[in-house]
């Protein structure tokens, strides 16, 4: 169990250095989240229509990305990502 915790701690340090924030954590699982990037195509369309809506969309419409990292019984690292 200690080896699995050490692997999870290493994964947490790596992910937080890349902008992820820890939401929940157990001995073998961690759930993290970060703000994603807005859709570039929609941003361009809105910028062509009018500058203000395009800028507002780019600044405010950022989806939240969620990642669940699980450490398997033999030390395997499983990552599941999604957007909401």
C-alpha atoms as a PDB file:
ATOM      1  CA  UNK A   1       0.000   0.000   0.000  1.00  0.00           C
ATOM      2  CA  UNK A   2       2.876   2.399   0.730  1.00  0.00           C
ATOM      3  CA  UNK A   3       4.245   1.946  -2.805  1.00  0.00           C
ATOM      4  CA  UNK A   4       0.838   2.818  -4.261  1.00  0.00           C
ATOM      5  CA  UNK A   5       0.634   5.942  -2.096  1.00  0.00           C
ATOM      6  CA  UNK A   6       4.111   6.989  -3.246  1.00  0.00           C
ATOM      7  CA  UNK A   7       3.130   6.552  -6.909  1.00  0.00           C
ATOM      8  CA  UNK A   8      -0.053   8.560  -6.332  1.00  0.00           C
ATOM      9  CA  UNK A   9       1.899  11.327  -4.594  1.00  0.00           C
ATOM     10  CA  UNK A  10       4.283  11.504  -7.555  1.00  0.00           C
ATOM     11  CA  UNK A  11       1.336  11.721  -9.969  1.00  0.00           C
ATOM     12  CA  UNK A  12      -0.244  14.498  -7.882  1.00  0.00           C
ATOM     13  CA  UNK A  13       2.981  16.532  -7.881  1.00  0.00           C
ATOM     14  CA  UNK A  14       3.324  16.111 -11.662  1.00  0.00           C
ATOM     15  CA  UNK A  15      -0.298  17.071 -12.339  1.00  0.00           C
ATOM     16  CA  UNK A  16      -0.396  20.080 -10.008  1.00  0.00           C
ATOM     17  CA  UNK A  17       2.730  21.392 -11.737  1.00  0.00           C
ATOM     18  CA  UNK A  18       0.686  21.261 -14.965  1.00  0.00           C
ATOM     19  CA  UNK A  19      -2.220  23.323 -13.632  1.00  0.00           C
ATOM     20  CA  UNK A  20      -4.468  20.665 -12.065  1.00  0.00           C
ATOM     21  CA  UNK A  21      -6.061  21.180  -8.629  1.00  0.00           C
ATOM     22  CA  UNK A  22      -6.845  18.300  -6.261  1.00  0.00           C
ATOM     23  CA  UNK A  23     -10.549  18.014  -5.441  1.00  0.00           C
ATOM     24  CA  UNK A  24     -10.696  14.700  -3.569  1.00  0.00           C
ATOM     25  CA  UNK A  25      -8.103  12.102  -2.627  1.00  0.00           C
ATOM     26  CA  UNK A  26      -7.999   8.617  -1.126  1.00  0.00           C
ATOM     27  CA  UNK A  27      -5.048   6.252  -0.640  1.00  0.00           C
ATOM     28  CA  UNK A  28      -5.159   5.077  -4.267  1.00  0.00           C
ATOM     29  CA  UNK A  29      -7.333   7.584  -6.149  1.00  0.00           C
ATOM     30  CA  UNK A  30      -7.320  11.329  -6.749  1.00  0.00           C
ATOM     31  CA  UNK A  31      -9.807  13.553  -8.572  1.00  0.00           C
ATOM     32  CA  UNK A  32      -8.416  16.764 -10.063  1.00  0.00           C
ATOM     33  CA  UNK A  33      -9.834  19.633 -12.074  1.00  0.00           C
ATOM     34  CA  UNK A  34      -8.659  22.610 -14.130  1.00  0.00           C
ATOM     35  CA  UNK A  35     -10.131  25.206 -16.455  1.00  0.00           C
ATOM     36  CA  UNK A  36      -9.828  24.255 -20.122  1.00  0.00           C
ATOM     37  CA  UNK A  37      -9.544  26.399 -23.223  1.00  0.00           C
ATOM     38  CA  UNK A  38     -12.581  27.860 -25.012  1.00  0.00           C
ATOM     39  CA  UNK A  39     -13.543  26.500 -28.426  1.00  0.00           C
ATOM     40  CA  UNK A  40     -11.386  28.361 -30.966  1.00  0.00           C
ATOM     41  CA  UNK A  41     -13.880  28.012 -33.818  1.00  0.00           C
ATOM     42  CA  UNK A  42     -16.722  29.600 -31.861  1.00  0.00           C
ATOM     43  CA  UNK A  43     -14.378  32.353 -30.679  1.00  0.00           C
ATOM     44  CA  UNK A  44     -13.406  33.210 -34.269  1.00  0.00           C
ATOM     45  CA  UNK A  45     -17.011  33.246 -35.455  1.00  0.00           C
ATOM     46  CA  UNK A  46     -18.025  35.559 -32.631  1.00  0.00           C
ATOM     47  CA  UNK A  47     -15.028  37.821 -33.286  1.00  0.00           C
ATOM     48  CA  UNK A  48     -16.058  38.148 -36.948  1.00  0.00           C
ATOM     49  CA  UNK A  49     -19.658  38.960 -35.980  1.00  0.00           C
ATOM     50  CA  UNK A  50     -18.728  41.445 -33.254  1.00  0.00           C
ATOM     51  CA  UNK A  51     -15.600  41.928 -31.212  1.00  0.00           C
ATOM     52  CA  UNK A  52     -17.196  42.242 -27.751  1.00  0.00           C
ATOM     53  CA  UNK A  53     -19.115  38.917 -27.775  1.00  0.00           C
ATOM     54  CA  UNK A  54     -16.000  37.151 -29.066  1.00  0.00           C
ATOM     55  CA  UNK A  55     -13.836  38.599 -26.317  1.00  0.00           C
ATOM     56  CA  UNK A  56     -16.408  37.801 -23.642  1.00  0.00           C
ATOM     57  CA  UNK A  57     -16.754  34.233 -24.868  1.00  0.00           C
ATOM     58  CA  UNK A  58     -12.975  33.771 -24.939  1.00  0.00           C
ATOM     59  CA  UNK A  59     -12.567  35.119 -21.407  1.00  0.00           C
ATOM     60  CA  UNK A  60     -15.599  33.553 -19.726  1.00  0.00           C
ATOM     61  CA  UNK A  61     -16.596  30.352 -21.537  1.00  0.00           C
ATOM     62  CA  UNK A  62     -13.897  27.990 -20.347  1.00  0.00           C
ATOM     63  CA  UNK A  63     -15.006  24.384 -19.785  1.00  0.00           C
ATOM     64  CA  UNK A  64     -13.898  22.561 -16.671  1.00  0.00           C
ATOM     65  CA  UNK A  65     -11.698  19.527 -17.273  1.00  0.00           C
ATOM     66  CA  UNK A  66     -11.769  16.695 -14.741  1.00  0.00           C
ATOM     67  CA  UNK A  67      -9.200  13.920 -14.352  1.00  0.00           C
ATOM     68  CA  UNK A  68      -9.380  10.868 -12.107  1.00  0.00           C
ATOM     69  CA  UNK A  69      -6.088   9.081 -11.419  1.00  0.00           C
ATOM     70  CA  UNK A  70      -6.250   5.592  -9.930  1.00  0.00           C
ATOM     71  CA  UNK A  71      -3.294   3.443  -8.897  1.00  0.00           C
ATOM     72  CA  UNK A  72      -3.889  -0.240  -9.592  1.00  0.00           C
ATOM     73  CA  UNK A  73      -3.045  -3.161  -7.353  1.00  0.00           C
ATOM     74  CA  UNK A  74       0.323  -3.692  -9.067  1.00  0.00           C
ATOM     75  CA  UNK A  75       1.242   0.008  -9.348  1.00  0.00           C
ATOM     76  CA  UNK A  76      -0.368   0.722 -12.725  1.00  0.00           C
ATOM     77  CA  UNK A  77      -1.518   4.305 -13.279  1.00  0.00           C
ATOM     78  CA  UNK A  78      -4.976   4.722 -14.797  1.00  0.00           C
ATOM     79  CA  UNK A  79      -6.124   8.185 -15.927  1.00  0.00           C
ATOM     80  CA  UNK A  80      -9.640   9.127 -16.995  1.00  0.00           C
ATOM     81  CA  UNK A  81     -10.325  12.619 -18.354  1.00  0.00           C
ATOM     82  CA  UNK A  82     -13.488  14.445 -19.287  1.00  0.00           C
ATOM     83  CA  UNK A  83     -14.905  17.931 -19.880  1.00  0.00           C
ATOM     84  CA  UNK A  84     -17.960  19.473 -18.348  1.00  0.00           C
END
